[in-house]
């Protein structure tokens, strides 16, 4: 049997994107959020009651959140 080697976990994280990539992800996050808010406002004001609005909003909010989280974590 092989002995298990201990793995050291450090707090240091080496970012794999630069400042330009972070700005792009923040910009995409903002664009996704604005798109989601626009669709939500359109649906609310227009009284839209179709089923397809929920998956669309979910996808737009997810896209926005991913952009913000990736920029924050520098990944």
C-alpha atoms as a PDB file:
ATOM      1  CA  UNK A   1       0.000   0.000   0.000  1.00  0.00           C
ATOM      2  CA  UNK A   2       1.084   3.486  -0.801  1.00  0.00           C
ATOM      3  CA  UNK A   3       1.216   6.088   1.931  1.00  0.00           C
ATOM      4  CA  UNK A   4      -0.824   9.190   1.429  1.00  0.00           C
ATOM      5  CA  UNK A   5       1.149  12.363   0.918  1.00  0.00           C
ATOM      6  CA  UNK A   6      -0.082  15.445   2.717  1.00  0.00           C
ATOM      7  CA  UNK A   7      -1.207  18.286   0.521  1.00  0.00           C
ATOM      8  CA  UNK A   8      -0.618  21.817   1.721  1.00  0.00           C
ATOM      9  CA  UNK A   9      -3.428  24.247   1.060  1.00  0.00           C
ATOM     10  CA  UNK A  10      -2.328  27.849   1.003  1.00  0.00           C
ATOM     11  CA  UNK A  11      -4.350  30.997   1.149  1.00  0.00           C
ATOM     12  CA  UNK A  12      -2.489  32.481  -1.793  1.00  0.00           C
ATOM     13  CA  UNK A  13      -4.310  32.365  -5.080  1.00  0.00           C
ATOM     14  CA  UNK A  14      -2.568  33.257  -8.286  1.00  0.00           C
ATOM     15  CA  UNK A  15      -5.044  35.078 -10.536  1.00  0.00           C
ATOM     16  CA  UNK A  16      -5.311  33.704 -14.037  1.00  0.00           C
ATOM     17  CA  UNK A  17      -6.675  36.913 -15.577  1.00  0.00           C
ATOM     18  CA  UNK A  18      -5.230  40.362 -15.751  1.00  0.00           C
ATOM     19  CA  UNK A  19      -6.772  43.754 -15.174  1.00  0.00           C
ATOM     20  CA  UNK A  20      -8.101  43.853 -18.733  1.00  0.00           C
ATOM     21  CA  UNK A  21      -9.934  40.535 -18.232  1.00  0.00           C
ATOM     22  CA  UNK A  22     -11.419  41.728 -14.940  1.00  0.00           C
ATOM     23  CA  UNK A  23     -12.716  44.915 -16.565  1.00  0.00           C
ATOM     24  CA  UNK A  24     -14.242  42.885 -19.385  1.00  0.00           C
ATOM     25  CA  UNK A  25     -16.000  40.556 -16.925  1.00  0.00           C
ATOM     26  CA  UNK A  26     -17.337  43.494 -14.911  1.00  0.00           C
ATOM     27  CA  UNK A  27     -18.544  45.147 -18.120  1.00  0.00           C
ATOM     28  CA  UNK A  28     -20.279  41.904 -19.176  1.00  0.00           C
ATOM     29  CA  UNK A  29     -21.812  41.585 -15.701  1.00  0.00           C
ATOM     30  CA  UNK A  30     -23.196  45.103 -15.911  1.00  0.00           C
ATOM     31  CA  UNK A  31     -24.527  44.486 -19.425  1.00  0.00           C
ATOM     32  CA  UNK A  32     -26.243  41.284 -18.280  1.00  0.00           C
ATOM     33  CA  UNK A  33     -27.760  43.015 -15.280  1.00  0.00           C
ATOM     34  CA  UNK A  34     -29.055  45.896 -17.407  1.00  0.00           C
ATOM     35  CA  UNK A  35     -30.530  43.440 -19.899  1.00  0.00           C
ATOM     36  CA  UNK A  36     -32.222  41.462 -17.112  1.00  0.00           C
ATOM     37  CA  UNK A  37     -33.619  44.592 -15.510  1.00  0.00           C
ATOM     38  CA  UNK A  38     -34.855  45.837 -18.892  1.00  0.00           C
ATOM     39  CA  UNK A  39     -36.656  42.567 -19.631  1.00  0.00           C
ATOM     40  CA  UNK A  40     -38.118  42.503 -16.110  1.00  0.00           C
ATOM     41  CA  UNK A  41     -39.367  46.100 -16.446  1.00  0.00           C
ATOM     42  CA  UNK A  42     -40.804  45.368 -19.889  1.00  0.00           C
ATOM     43  CA  UNK A  43     -42.608  42.299 -18.571  1.00  0.00           C
ATOM     44  CA  UNK A  44     -43.923  44.103 -15.508  1.00  0.00           C
ATOM     45  CA  UNK A  45     -45.088  47.248 -17.318  1.00  0.00           C
ATOM     46  CA  UNK A  46     -46.497  45.326 -20.256  1.00  0.00           C
ATOM     47  CA  UNK A  47     -48.243  42.794 -18.075  1.00  0.00           C
ATOM     48  CA  UNK A  48     -46.425  39.884 -19.735  1.00  0.00           C
ATOM     49  CA  UNK A  49     -47.539  36.578 -18.253  1.00  0.00           C
ATOM     50  CA  UNK A  50     -45.825  34.080 -20.562  1.00  0.00           C
ATOM     51  CA  UNK A  51     -43.855  31.132 -19.160  1.00  0.00           C
ATOM     52  CA  UNK A  52     -40.726  31.918 -21.190  1.00  0.00           C
ATOM     53  CA  UNK A  53     -39.978  35.093 -19.255  1.00  0.00           C
ATOM     54  CA  UNK A  54     -38.716  33.193 -16.171  1.00  0.00           C
ATOM     55  CA  UNK A  55     -36.017  31.123 -17.906  1.00  0.00           C
ATOM     56  CA  UNK A  56     -34.926  34.212 -19.829  1.00  0.00           C
ATOM     57  CA  UNK A  57     -34.582  36.266 -16.656  1.00  0.00           C
ATOM     58  CA  UNK A  58     -32.816  33.398 -14.907  1.00  0.00           C
ATOM     59  CA  UNK A  59     -30.284  33.117 -17.723  1.00  0.00           C
ATOM     60  CA  UNK A  60     -29.646  36.865 -17.793  1.00  0.00           C
ATOM     61  CA  UNK A  61     -29.216  37.133 -14.020  1.00  0.00           C
ATOM     62  CA  UNK A  62     -26.923  34.091 -14.020  1.00  0.00           C
ATOM     63  CA  UNK A  63     -24.806  35.600 -16.809  1.00  0.00           C
ATOM     64  CA  UNK A  64     -24.544  38.819 -14.839  1.00  0.00           C
ATOM     65  CA  UNK A  65     -23.641  37.102 -11.572  1.00  0.00           C
ATOM     66  CA  UNK A  66     -20.967  34.980 -13.248  1.00  0.00           C
ATOM     67  CA  UNK A  67     -19.314  38.094 -14.639  1.00  0.00           C
ATOM     68  CA  UNK A  68     -19.241  39.782 -11.243  1.00  0.00           C
ATOM     69  CA  UNK A  69     -18.067  36.695  -9.339  1.00  0.00           C
ATOM     70  CA  UNK A  70     -15.341  35.902 -11.862  1.00  0.00           C
ATOM     71  CA  UNK A  71     -14.040  39.465 -11.693  1.00  0.00           C
ATOM     72  CA  UNK A  72     -14.073  39.386  -7.895  1.00  0.00           C
ATOM     73  CA  UNK A  73     -12.259  36.041  -7.673  1.00  0.00           C
ATOM     74  CA  UNK A  74      -9.899  36.893 -10.569  1.00  0.00           C
ATOM     75  CA  UNK A  75     -10.666  33.692 -12.458  1.00  0.00           C
END
